């Protein structure tokens, strides 16, 4: 497991130790055991009350938000949070789809390859002089020099 998640689990476990027993009982024991098993043994979080003064990792905040949504809030608030999360996720997916849509990528490449100016280029035919023409030109050059 990544070090960031192990440290986040350590912070969450420390918060569990500071939580009132009534809230802690709402969180399933299996989940609390999972947090304890996967926390970092080397990281010692510096967390104390009030939590507003503590600097928590982003991963910790996400885990705490999920704990609140899944275990601590009432049914109506849970539905509202799930709806908000799904809307945010759809917005994120739409943004990625617009940014990385294969049709648009190919469309943009076609636009880039078009010439910017209207100057036309034509193929010029180059005719190589034959042997007799070369000799005749050399003789002409000799007479022009004199």
Protein backbone atom coordinates (compact mmCIF):
# COMPACT_ATOMS: atom_id res chain seq x y z
CA UNK A 1 0.00 0.00 0.00
CA UNK A 2 1.19 3.52 -0.68
CA UNK A 3 2.89 5.43 2.07
CA UNK A 4 0.41 8.33 1.79
CA UNK A 5 -2.54 6.05 2.51
CA UNK A 6 -0.80 4.37 5.43
CA UNK A 7 -0.11 7.78 6.95
CA UNK A 8 -3.71 8.85 6.29
CA UNK A 9 -4.94 5.70 8.05
CA UNK A 10 -2.68 6.59 10.99
CA UNK A 11 -4.28 10.03 11.19
CA UNK A 12 -7.78 8.54 10.97
CA UNK A 13 -6.96 6.05 13.74
CA UNK A 14 -5.72 8.91 15.93
CA UNK A 15 -8.99 10.76 15.26
CA UNK A 16 -10.91 7.60 16.21
CA UNK A 17 -9.11 7.68 19.58
CA UNK A 18 -10.32 11.25 20.13
CA UNK A 19 -13.92 10.66 19.00
CA UNK A 20 -16.80 10.36 21.46
CA UNK A 21 -17.86 6.77 22.05
CA UNK A 22 -21.38 7.42 20.70
CA UNK A 23 -20.02 8.39 17.26
CA UNK A 24 -17.36 5.70 17.31
CA UNK A 25 -20.00 3.00 17.87
CA UNK A 26 -21.72 4.01 14.60
CA UNK A 27 -18.59 3.00 12.67
CA UNK A 28 -18.41 -0.78 12.05
CA UNK A 29 -15.72 -2.68 13.94
CA UNK A 30 -14.45 -4.32 10.74
CA UNK A 31 -13.80 -0.90 9.24
CA UNK A 32 -11.96 0.29 12.35
CA UNK A 33 -9.88 -2.91 12.31
CA UNK A 34 -9.07 -2.34 8.64
CA UNK A 35 -7.80 1.14 9.48
CA UNK A 36 -5.69 -0.18 12.37
CA UNK A 37 -4.19 -3.00 10.29
CA UNK A 38 -3.20 -0.76 7.39
CA UNK A 39 -1.90 2.25 9.28
CA UNK A 40 1.77 3.16 9.25
CA UNK A 41 3.76 2.04 12.25
CA UNK A 42 6.48 4.64 11.58
CA UNK A 43 4.25 7.71 11.25
CA UNK A 44 3.07 9.41 14.42
CA UNK A 45 0.40 12.03 13.60
CA UNK A 46 0.26 15.20 15.64
CA UNK A 47 -3.50 15.58 16.05
CA UNK A 48 -5.27 17.17 18.96
CA UNK A 49 -8.53 18.92 19.62
CA UNK A 50 -9.74 21.31 18.18
CA UNK A 51 -9.43 19.73 14.74
CA UNK A 52 -9.63 23.09 12.97
CA UNK A 53 -6.06 23.85 14.04
CA UNK A 54 -4.70 20.50 12.81
CA UNK A 55 -3.18 20.13 9.37
CA UNK A 56 -4.50 16.89 7.88
CA UNK A 57 -3.46 15.15 4.70
CA UNK A 58 -5.81 15.29 1.70
CA UNK A 59 -6.21 11.51 1.81
CA UNK A 60 -7.25 11.76 5.46
CA UNK A 61 -9.91 14.32 4.64
CA UNK A 62 -11.28 12.07 1.90
CA UNK A 63 -11.43 9.07 4.23
CA UNK A 64 -13.15 11.14 6.92
CA UNK A 65 -15.67 12.42 4.37
CA UNK A 66 -16.46 8.86 3.30
CA UNK A 67 -16.82 7.77 6.93
CA UNK A 68 -19.20 10.64 7.58
CA UNK A 69 -21.23 9.94 4.46
CA UNK A 70 -21.46 6.18 4.93
CA UNK A 71 -21.73 5.80 8.71
CA UNK A 72 -22.46 9.00 10.63
CA UNK A 73 -25.05 11.08 8.74
CA UNK A 74 -28.80 10.44 8.50
CA UNK A 75 -30.49 8.87 5.46
CA UNK A 76 -31.67 12.13 3.87
CA UNK A 77 -28.27 13.80 4.17
CA UNK A 78 -26.64 10.63 2.84
CA UNK A 79 -28.84 10.75 -0.28
CA UNK A 80 -27.98 14.42 -0.81
CA UNK A 81 -24.25 13.72 -0.47
CA UNK A 82 -24.44 10.74 -2.84
CA UNK A 83 -26.30 12.85 -5.39
CA UNK A 84 -23.77 15.68 -5.09
CA UNK A 85 -20.88 13.23 -5.42
CA UNK A 86 -22.39 11.60 -8.50
CA UNK A 87 -22.99 15.02 -10.11
CA UNK A 88 -19.38 16.05 -9.44
CA UNK A 89 -18.18 12.76 -10.88
CA UNK A 90 -20.31 13.22 -14.02
CA UNK A 91 -18.95 16.75 -14.47
CA UNK A 92 -15.43 15.42 -14.15
CA UNK A 93 -16.13 12.64 -16.68
CA UNK A 94 -17.67 15.14 -19.13
CA UNK A 95 -14.65 17.38 -18.80
CA UNK A 96 -12.31 14.46 -19.50
CA UNK A 97 -14.49 13.31 -22.40
CA UNK A 98 -14.35 16.78 -23.98
CA UNK A 99 -10.61 17.00 -23.44
CA UNK A 100 -9.67 13.50 -24.64
CA UNK A 101 -12.49 12.58 -27.05
CA UNK A 102 -10.88 10.62 -29.94
CA UNK A 103 -13.16 12.22 -32.53
CA UNK A 104 -12.15 15.70 -31.44
CA UNK A 105 -8.48 14.79 -31.30
CA UNK A 106 -8.53 13.65 -34.92
CA UNK A 107 -10.64 16.65 -35.92
CA UNK A 108 -8.08 19.02 -34.42
CA UNK A 109 -5.24 17.28 -36.23
CA UNK A 110 -7.02 17.76 -39.53
CA UNK A 111 -7.42 21.46 -38.83
CA UNK A 112 -3.78 21.87 -37.90
CA UNK A 113 -2.53 20.22 -41.08
CA UNK A 114 -4.37 22.60 -43.36
CA UNK A 115 -2.10 25.33 -44.78
CA UNK A 116 -2.49 28.70 -43.12
CA UNK A 117 -1.85 30.83 -46.21
CA UNK A 118 -3.38 30.47 -49.66
CA UNK A 119 -0.12 30.31 -51.61
CA UNK A 120 -0.10 27.38 -53.93
CA UNK A 121 2.89 25.22 -54.61
CA UNK A 122 3.31 23.52 -57.93
CA UNK A 123 5.72 20.88 -59.04
CA UNK A 124 8.28 22.26 -61.47
CA UNK A 125 9.45 19.89 -64.12
CA UNK A 126 13.21 19.81 -64.55
CA UNK A 127 14.44 18.73 -67.93
CA UNK A 128 17.97 17.52 -68.08
CA UNK A 129 19.87 18.58 -71.19
CA UNK A 130 20.92 15.84 -73.53
CA UNK A 131 24.55 15.22 -74.54
CA UNK A 132 24.45 17.26 -77.76
CA UNK A 133 22.82 20.25 -76.05
CA UNK A 134 25.56 20.26 -73.37
CA UNK A 135 28.33 20.28 -76.02
CA UNK A 136 26.59 23.08 -77.92
CA UNK A 137 26.29 25.18 -74.67
CA UNK A 138 30.02 24.72 -73.92
CA UNK A 139 30.98 25.88 -77.40
CA UNK A 140 28.71 28.92 -76.96
CA UNK A 141 30.35 29.75 -73.63
CA UNK A 142 33.81 29.59 -75.21
CA UNK A 143 32.83 32.16 -77.89
CA UNK A 144 31.12 34.41 -75.30
CA UNK A 145 34.29 34.64 -73.19
CA UNK A 146 36.34 35.94 -76.12
